[in-house]
Amino acid sequence: MSVHVTFPAALILDARVSHARRDRSFGRVEAVVELVVKPCAGQPARLFRIRTNVPATSDGTMRRRLLESAVRLMRSAPSVTGRAAA
């Protein structure tokens, strides 16, 4: 399934969720999210794997919440946004 999400200087071409598991002790679901990202125009797409977690009970589908969490993490990644590491 293709997901087209944009954020500053990057385009998410595809996203997949795998290895999802529920941590009952903390009430969260963690998973590996694979994002195919085109950082800037003229650059090749790159594959990023991000381990993320979200609350087990919340609004929206689990997949969407995991993808949104991964995109938020990607926004802070200097290798994607071109910002210097803090």
Protein backbone atom coordinates (compact mmCIF):
# COMPACT_ATOMS: atom_id res chain seq x y z
CA MET A 1 0.00 0.00 0.00
CA SER A 2 1.45 3.35 -1.01
CA VAL A 3 1.33 6.24 1.40
CA HIS A 4 2.13 9.70 0.12
CA VAL A 5 3.01 11.99 2.99
CA THR A 6 5.14 15.09 2.63
CA PHE A 7 7.19 16.95 5.18
CA PRO A 8 9.91 19.57 4.77
CA ALA A 9 12.34 18.56 2.00
CA ALA A 10 11.21 14.91 1.82
CA LEU A 11 8.51 12.69 0.33
CA ILE A 12 7.40 9.33 1.76
CA LEU A 13 6.86 7.07 -1.25
CA ASP A 14 5.95 3.86 0.58
CA ALA A 15 5.51 2.61 4.14
CA ARG A 16 5.26 -0.84 5.71
CA VAL A 17 4.66 -1.95 9.29
CA SER A 18 6.18 -5.21 10.53
CA HIS A 19 7.17 -7.00 13.73
CA ALA A 20 4.33 -5.41 15.68
CA ARG A 21 3.86 -6.58 19.25
CA ARG A 22 1.84 -5.41 22.21
CA ASP A 23 3.53 -4.69 25.51
CA ARG A 24 0.75 -5.27 28.03
CA SER A 25 2.85 -4.00 30.94
CA PHE A 26 3.07 -0.51 29.46
CA GLY A 27 -0.11 -0.55 27.34
CA ARG A 28 1.79 0.19 24.11
CA VAL A 29 2.31 -1.39 20.72
CA GLU A 30 5.77 -1.32 19.20
CA ALA A 31 6.68 -2.11 15.61
CA VAL A 32 9.27 -1.64 12.90
CA VAL A 33 8.16 0.84 10.24
CA GLU A 34 9.95 0.81 6.89
CA LEU A 35 9.76 4.09 5.00
CA VAL A 36 10.89 4.63 1.43
CA VAL A 37 11.89 8.31 1.45
CA LYS A 38 12.95 10.63 -1.34
CA PRO A 39 14.86 13.28 0.66
CA CYS A 40 15.01 16.00 -2.03
CA ALA A 41 14.29 16.45 -5.71
CA GLY A 42 17.02 14.84 -7.78
CA GLN A 43 18.11 12.42 -5.05
CA PRO A 44 17.39 8.69 -5.11
CA ALA A 45 14.85 7.17 -2.74
CA ARG A 46 16.25 5.60 0.44
CA LEU A 47 14.90 2.92 2.75
CA PHE A 48 14.75 3.72 6.47
CA ARG A 49 13.73 1.30 9.22
CA ILE A 50 12.44 2.91 12.38
CA ARG A 51 11.36 1.18 15.58
CA THR A 52 8.53 3.13 17.15
CA ASN A 53 5.71 2.66 19.64
CA VAL A 54 2.27 4.11 20.28
CA PRO A 55 -0.43 3.69 22.95
CA ALA A 56 -2.38 0.45 22.49
CA THR A 57 -5.71 2.26 22.84
CA SER A 58 -6.29 5.57 21.12
CA ASP A 59 -8.18 7.19 18.23
CA GLY A 60 -7.46 6.06 14.69
CA THR A 61 -6.16 2.81 13.27
CA MET A 62 -3.04 1.24 14.73
CA ARG A 63 -1.28 1.32 11.37
CA ARG A 64 -1.93 5.02 10.89
CA ARG A 65 -0.72 5.88 14.40
CA LEU A 66 2.49 3.86 13.88
CA LEU A 67 3.13 5.57 10.53
CA GLU A 68 2.52 9.02 11.99
CA SER A 69 4.90 8.26 14.84
CA ALA A 70 7.59 7.10 12.39
CA VAL A 71 7.15 10.24 10.27
CA ARG A 72 7.54 12.40 13.38
CA LEU A 73 10.80 10.60 14.12
CA MET A 74 11.92 11.08 10.52
CA ARG A 75 11.34 14.83 10.80
CA SER A 76 13.96 14.97 13.55
CA ALA A 77 16.50 12.84 11.63
CA PRO A 78 19.29 15.08 10.34
CA SER A 79 20.14 12.65 7.52
CA VAL A 80 16.67 13.13 5.99
CA THR A 81 15.94 16.79 6.67
CA GLY A 82 19.46 18.04 5.99
CA ARG A 83 19.75 19.70 9.40
CA ALA A 84 22.89 19.39 11.48
CA ALA A 85 22.77 16.96 14.39
CA ALA A 86 21.96 18.58 17.72
